Amino acid sequence: MPIKMYGIKNCDTIKKARTWLEGHGVAYDFHDYKASGIDRPSLEAWVEEFGWETVLNRAGTTFKKLPDADKQGLDAEKAIALMLAQPSMIKRPMLDLGGRRIVGFKPEAYDAAFPG
């Protein structure tokens, strides 16, 4: 299974992660949330694996612009609904290595995932 990166093309963190992968000769497919959305089963699996608190990007502008009522009483189901409606609220990148995933971009995590 090829490596797949999920994110938004114009995101600065995505650009850093793509530069890292390309600089290390790691081939990957890119899935743009803005262009293609995200399916519920994938999002539910990520929330189950990492917790909605990790998958939901509460630091981003999209989340911050939400009405206060939408931010209250967050739980997994409500977070998934918000992310399905506005995929830019999903933490990025989500790097799917087939057998495991990495959320966000930290060079040391990528170094560990792709030694040498």
N, C-alpha and C. Protein backbone atom coordinates (compact mmCIF):
# COMPACT_ATOMS: atom_id res chain seq x y z
N MET A 1 0.85 -1.19 0.00
CA MET A 1 0.00 0.00 0.00
C MET A 1 0.89 1.25 0.00
N PRO A 2 0.64 2.15 -0.94
CA PRO A 2 1.46 3.36 -0.95
C PRO A 2 1.14 4.26 0.25
N ILE A 3 2.12 5.05 0.63
CA ILE A 3 1.93 6.02 1.71
C ILE A 3 0.97 7.09 1.22
N LYS A 4 0.08 7.51 2.10
CA LYS A 4 -0.89 8.54 1.71
C LYS A 4 -0.84 9.66 2.73
N MET A 5 -0.74 10.88 2.24
CA MET A 5 -0.78 12.06 3.09
C MET A 5 -2.12 12.75 2.87
N TYR A 6 -2.78 13.02 3.99
CA TYR A 6 -4.05 13.75 3.97
C TYR A 6 -3.80 15.15 4.49
N GLY A 7 -4.37 16.14 3.81
CA GLY A 7 -4.20 17.52 4.26
C GLY A 7 -4.81 18.51 3.29
N ILE A 8 -4.30 19.73 3.37
CA ILE A 8 -4.76 20.82 2.51
C ILE A 8 -3.53 21.38 1.81
N LYS A 9 -3.62 21.48 0.51
CA LYS A 9 -2.48 21.84 -0.33
C LYS A 9 -1.75 23.10 0.15
N ASN A 10 -2.47 24.13 0.55
CA ASN A 10 -1.84 25.41 0.88
C ASN A 10 -1.42 25.55 2.34
N CYS A 11 -1.57 24.51 3.14
CA CYS A 11 -1.19 24.56 4.55
C CYS A 11 0.33 24.57 4.70
N ASP A 12 0.84 25.47 5.54
CA ASP A 12 2.29 25.57 5.74
C ASP A 12 2.88 24.27 6.31
N THR A 13 2.16 23.63 7.23
CA THR A 13 2.66 22.38 7.82
C THR A 13 2.71 21.28 6.77
N ILE A 14 1.71 21.25 5.90
CA ILE A 14 1.72 20.27 4.80
C ILE A 14 2.92 20.51 3.89
N LYS A 15 3.18 21.77 3.60
CA LYS A 15 4.33 22.09 2.74
C LYS A 15 5.63 21.60 3.37
N LYS A 16 5.78 21.78 4.69
CA LYS A 16 6.99 21.30 5.38
C LYS A 16 7.09 19.78 5.31
N ALA A 17 5.96 19.10 5.55
CA ALA A 17 5.96 17.64 5.51
C ALA A 17 6.25 17.12 4.10
N ARG A 18 5.67 17.75 3.10
CA ARG A 18 5.92 17.32 1.72
C ARG A 18 7.37 17.54 1.34
N THR A 19 7.93 18.68 1.76
CA THR A 19 9.34 18.96 1.49
C THR A 19 10.22 17.91 2.16
N TRP A 20 9.89 17.53 3.39
CA TRP A 20 10.67 16.51 4.10
C TRP A 20 10.61 15.19 3.34
N LEU A 21 9.40 14.74 3.00
CA LEU A 21 9.24 13.46 2.30
C LEU A 21 9.98 13.46 0.96
N GLU A 22 9.79 14.52 0.19
CA GLU A 22 10.43 14.59 -1.12
C GLU A 22 11.95 14.66 -0.98
N GLY A 23 12.43 15.39 0.03
CA GLY A 23 13.87 15.50 0.27
C GLY A 23 14.50 14.19 0.70
N HIS A 24 13.68 13.29 1.26
CA HIS A 24 14.18 11.99 1.69
C HIS A 24 13.80 10.87 0.72
N GLY A 25 13.30 11.25 -0.45
CA GLY A 25 12.98 10.28 -1.49
C GLY A 25 11.83 9.35 -1.14
N VAL A 26 10.89 9.82 -0.31
CA VAL A 26 9.74 9.00 0.08
C VAL A 26 8.56 9.32 -0.85
N ALA A 27 8.12 8.30 -1.58
CA ALA A 27 6.98 8.47 -2.48
C ALA A 27 5.68 8.40 -1.68
N TYR A 28 4.71 9.20 -2.07
CA TYR A 28 3.42 9.23 -1.38
C TYR A 28 2.34 9.75 -2.30
N ASP A 29 1.11 9.43 -1.97
CA ASP A 29 -0.05 10.01 -2.65
C ASP A 29 -0.60 11.09 -1.74
N PHE A 30 -1.14 12.15 -2.34
CA PHE A 30 -1.68 13.25 -1.54
C PHE A 30 -3.19 13.34 -1.72
N HIS A 31 -3.89 13.40 -0.59
CA HIS A 31 -5.36 13.55 -0.59
C HIS A 31 -5.67 14.92 0.00
N ASP A 32 -6.24 15.80 -0.82
CA ASP A 32 -6.56 17.15 -0.39
C ASP A 32 -8.00 17.18 0.15
N TYR A 33 -8.12 17.48 1.45
CA TYR A 33 -9.44 17.57 2.08
C TYR A 33 -10.33 18.59 1.39
N LYS A 34 -9.76 19.71 1.00
CA LYS A 34 -10.55 20.79 0.40
C LYS A 34 -11.14 20.33 -0.93
N ALA A 35 -10.36 19.62 -1.73
CA ALA A 35 -10.80 19.19 -3.05
C ALA A 35 -11.66 17.93 -2.99
N SER A 36 -11.31 16.99 -2.09
CA SER A 36 -11.96 15.67 -2.10
C SER A 36 -12.73 15.34 -0.84
N GLY A 37 -12.69 16.20 0.17
CA GLY A 37 -13.38 15.89 1.42
C GLY A 37 -12.71 14.72 2.13
N ILE A 38 -13.44 14.17 3.07
CA ILE A 38 -12.96 12.98 3.79
C ILE A 38 -14.16 12.10 4.09
N ASP A 39 -13.96 10.81 4.06
CA ASP A 39 -15.09 9.90 4.32
C ASP A 39 -15.20 9.63 5.82
N ARG A 40 -16.42 9.40 6.25
CA ARG A 40 -16.69 9.17 7.67
C ARG A 40 -15.91 7.98 8.24
N PRO A 41 -15.84 6.82 7.55
CA PRO A 41 -15.11 5.69 8.13
C PRO A 41 -13.63 6.01 8.43
N SER A 42 -12.96 6.74 7.54
CA SER A 42 -11.56 7.11 7.80
C SER A 42 -11.47 8.00 9.03
N LEU A 43 -12.32 9.01 9.06
CA LEU A 43 -12.30 9.95 10.18
C LEU A 43 -12.62 9.25 11.50
N GLU A 44 -13.60 8.36 11.49
CA GLU A 44 -13.95 7.61 12.71
C GLU A 44 -12.79 6.73 13.16
N ALA A 45 -12.08 6.12 12.21
CA ALA A 45 -10.93 5.28 12.56
C ALA A 45 -9.81 6.12 13.18
N TRP A 46 -9.57 7.31 12.64
CA TRP A 46 -8.54 8.18 13.20
C TRP A 46 -8.91 8.63 14.61
N VAL A 47 -10.19 8.97 14.79
CA VAL A 47 -10.65 9.40 16.12
C VAL A 47 -10.53 8.25 17.11
N GLU A 48 -10.85 7.04 16.67
CA GLU A 48 -10.73 5.89 17.55
C GLU A 48 -9.26 5.62 17.91
N GLU A 49 -8.38 5.78 16.93
CA GLU A 49 -6.96 5.51 17.15
C GLU A 49 -6.28 6.59 18.01
N PHE A 50 -6.56 7.86 17.74
CA PHE A 50 -5.83 8.96 18.38
C PHE A 50 -6.65 9.78 19.38
N GLY A 51 -7.99 9.64 19.32
CA GLY A 51 -8.85 10.47 20.15
C GLY A 51 -9.24 11.73 19.38
N TRP A 52 -10.47 12.16 19.55
CA TRP A 52 -10.95 13.33 18.81
C TRP A 52 -10.16 14.58 19.18
N GLU A 53 -9.65 14.63 20.42
CA GLU A 53 -8.91 15.80 20.88
C GLU A 53 -7.64 16.01 20.06
N THR A 54 -7.06 14.93 19.56
CA THR A 54 -5.85 15.01 18.73
C THR A 54 -6.20 15.30 17.28
N VAL A 55 -7.26 14.68 16.78
CA VAL A 55 -7.60 14.79 15.36
C VAL A 55 -8.24 16.15 15.03
N LEU A 56 -8.99 16.71 15.96
CA LEU A 56 -9.63 18.01 15.73
C LEU A 56 -8.62 19.13 15.97
N ASN A 57 -8.41 19.95 14.95
CA ASN A 57 -7.47 21.06 15.04
C ASN A 57 -8.17 22.29 15.63
N ARG A 58 -8.09 22.41 16.94
CA ARG A 58 -8.74 23.53 17.62
C ARG A 58 -7.92 24.81 17.56
N ALA A 59 -6.68 24.72 17.10
CA ALA A 59 -5.82 25.91 17.01
C ALA A 59 -6.03 26.67 15.70
N GLY A 60 -6.70 26.04 14.75
CA GLY A 60 -6.87 26.65 13.43
C GLY A 60 -7.96 27.70 13.37
N THR A 61 -7.89 28.52 12.35
CA THR A 61 -8.85 29.61 12.16
C THR A 61 -10.27 29.10 11.98
N THR A 62 -10.44 28.01 11.26
CA THR A 62 -11.79 27.50 11.00
C THR A 62 -12.50 27.17 12.31
N PHE A 63 -11.80 26.50 13.21
CA PHE A 63 -12.41 26.17 14.50
C PHE A 63 -12.66 27.43 15.32
N LYS A 64 -11.70 28.31 15.34
CA LYS A 64 -11.82 29.53 16.14
C LYS A 64 -12.99 30.40 15.69
N LYS A 65 -13.34 30.34 14.40
CA LYS A 65 -14.43 31.16 13.87
C LYS A 65 -15.81 30.55 14.11
N LEU A 66 -15.85 29.32 14.62
CA LEU A 66 -17.14 28.67 14.90
C LEU A 66 -17.91 29.45 15.96
N PRO A 67 -19.24 29.41 15.87
CA PRO A 67 -20.03 29.99 16.96
C PRO A 67 -19.74 29.23 18.26
N ASP A 68 -19.80 29.95 19.38
CA ASP A 68 -19.51 29.32 20.67
C ASP A 68 -20.36 28.08 20.92
N ALA A 69 -21.60 28.10 20.45
CA ALA A 69 -22.50 26.96 20.65
C ALA A 69 -21.94 25.69 20.02
N ASP A 70 -21.26 25.83 18.88
CA ASP A 70 -20.67 24.67 18.21
C ASP A 70 -19.45 24.14 18.94
N LYS A 71 -18.80 24.98 19.71
CA LYS A 71 -17.60 24.58 20.46
C LYS A 71 -17.94 23.97 21.81
N GLN A 72 -19.17 24.17 22.28
CA GLN A 72 -19.58 23.66 23.60
C GLN A 72 -19.94 22.19 23.52
N GLY A 73 -19.67 21.47 24.60
CA GLY A 73 -20.09 20.07 24.70
C GLY A 73 -19.47 19.16 23.67
N LEU A 74 -18.25 19.43 23.30
CA LEU A 74 -17.60 18.59 22.29
C LEU A 74 -17.39 17.18 22.82
N ASP A 75 -17.68 16.23 21.95
CA ASP A 75 -17.36 14.83 22.20
C ASP A 75 -16.97 14.26 20.84
N ALA A 76 -16.70 12.98 20.79
CA ALA A 76 -16.23 12.37 19.54
C ALA A 76 -17.23 12.57 18.41
N GLU A 77 -18.49 12.31 18.65
CA GLU A 77 -19.50 12.40 17.58
C GLU A 77 -19.64 13.83 17.07
N LYS A 78 -19.67 14.79 17.99
CA LYS A 78 -19.81 16.19 17.57
C LYS A 78 -18.55 16.65 16.82
N ALA A 79 -17.38 16.23 17.29
CA ALA A 79 -16.13 16.59 16.61
C ALA A 79 -16.08 15.99 15.21
N ILE A 80 -16.51 14.74 15.06
CA ILE A 80 -16.54 14.11 13.74
C ILE A 80 -17.49 14.88 12.81
N ALA A 81 -18.65 15.25 13.31
CA ALA A 81 -19.61 16.00 12.49
C ALA A 81 -19.01 17.34 12.04
N LEU A 82 -18.34 18.03 12.95
CA LEU A 82 -17.70 19.30 12.59
C LEU A 82 -16.63 19.10 11.52
N MET A 83 -15.80 18.06 11.68
CA MET A 83 -14.72 17.80 10.72
C MET A 83 -15.24 17.35 9.36
N LEU A 84 -16.35 16.60 9.36
CA LEU A 84 -16.94 16.20 8.09
C LEU A 84 -17.50 17.42 7.36
N ALA A 85 -18.11 18.33 8.11
CA ALA A 85 -18.69 19.53 7.52
C ALA A 85 -17.61 20.49 7.03
N GLN A 86 -16.50 20.57 7.77
CA GLN A 86 -15.42 21.49 7.42
C GLN A 86 -14.08 20.77 7.63
N PRO A 87 -13.63 20.02 6.62
CA PRO A 87 -12.43 19.20 6.77
C PRO A 87 -11.16 19.99 7.13
N SER A 88 -11.17 21.30 6.94
CA SER A 88 -9.98 22.06 7.33
C SER A 88 -9.78 22.06 8.84
N MET A 89 -10.75 21.53 9.59
CA MET A 89 -10.61 21.40 11.04
C MET A 89 -9.88 20.12 11.45
N ILE A 90 -9.50 19.30 10.47
CA ILE A 90 -8.77 18.07 10.77
C ILE A 90 -7.28 18.40 10.89
N LYS A 91 -6.66 17.92 11.96
CA LYS A 91 -5.22 18.12 12.18
C LYS A 91 -4.47 17.62 10.95
N ARG A 92 -3.45 18.34 10.55
CA ARG A 92 -2.72 17.95 9.37
C ARG A 92 -1.22 18.06 9.59
N PRO A 93 -0.51 17.27 8.81
CA PRO A 93 -1.00 16.19 7.96
C PRO A 93 -1.37 14.95 8.76
N MET A 94 -2.14 14.10 8.12
CA MET A 94 -2.36 12.74 8.60
C MET A 94 -1.61 11.89 7.59
N LEU A 95 -0.58 11.22 8.05
CA LEU A 95 0.24 10.41 7.16
C LEU A 95 -0.09 8.94 7.42
N ASP A 96 -0.65 8.28 6.41
CA ASP A 96 -1.03 6.88 6.54
C ASP A 96 0.06 6.01 5.92
N LEU A 97 0.72 5.24 6.78
CA LEU A 97 1.81 4.38 6.33
C LEU A 97 1.34 2.97 6.02
N GLY A 98 0.05 2.74 6.09
CA GLY A 98 -0.50 1.40 5.87
C GLY A 98 -0.77 0.72 7.19
N GLY A 99 0.28 0.38 7.91
CA GLY A 99 0.11 -0.29 9.19
C GLY A 99 -0.06 0.66 10.37
N ARG A 100 0.29 1.91 10.17
CA ARG A 100 0.13 2.90 11.23
C ARG A 100 0.04 4.29 10.62
N ARG A 101 -0.31 5.26 11.46
CA ARG A 101 -0.45 6.63 11.02
C ARG A 101 0.35 7.58 11.91
N ILE A 102 0.71 8.72 11.34
CA ILE A 102 1.37 9.78 12.09
C ILE A 102 0.51 11.03 11.93
N VAL A 103 0.17 11.67 13.06
CA VAL A 103 -0.64 12.89 13.02
C VAL A 103 0.27 14.08 13.21
N GLY A 104 0.13 15.08 12.34
CA GLY A 104 0.95 16.28 12.44
C GLY A 104 2.32 16.04 11.83
N PHE A 105 3.15 17.08 11.85
CA PHE A 105 4.49 16.95 11.30
C PHE A 105 5.52 17.35 12.34
N LYS A 106 6.34 16.38 12.69
CA LYS A 106 7.52 16.61 13.52
C LYS A 106 8.65 15.86 12.82
N PRO A 107 9.71 16.56 12.42
CA PRO A 107 10.78 15.88 11.68
C PRO A 107 11.30 14.62 12.39
N GLU A 108 11.38 14.66 13.74
CA GLU A 108 11.90 13.48 14.44
C GLU A 108 10.97 12.27 14.29
N ALA A 109 9.66 12.49 14.20
CA ALA A 109 8.72 11.38 13.99
C ALA A 109 8.89 10.81 12.59
N TYR A 110 9.11 11.67 11.62
CA TYR A 110 9.33 11.22 10.25
C TYR A 110 10.68 10.50 10.15
N ASP A 111 11.70 11.03 10.84
CA ASP A 111 13.01 10.36 10.86
C ASP A 111 12.87 8.94 11.40
N ALA A 112 12.09 8.77 12.46
CA ALA A 112 11.89 7.44 13.06
C ALA A 112 11.11 6.52 12.12
N ALA A 113 10.15 7.08 11.40
CA ALA A 113 9.32 6.28 10.50
C ALA A 113 10.06 5.86 9.24
N PHE A 114 11.01 6.70 8.81
CA PHE A 114 11.77 6.44 7.58
C PHE A 114 13.26 6.51 7.85
N PRO A 115 13.80 5.55 8.61
CA PRO A 115 15.23 5.58 8.93
C PRO A 115 16.08 5.44 7.66
N GLY A 116 17.18 6.14 7.65
CA GLY A 116 18.11 6.03 6.53
C GLY A 116 17.63 6.79 5.36
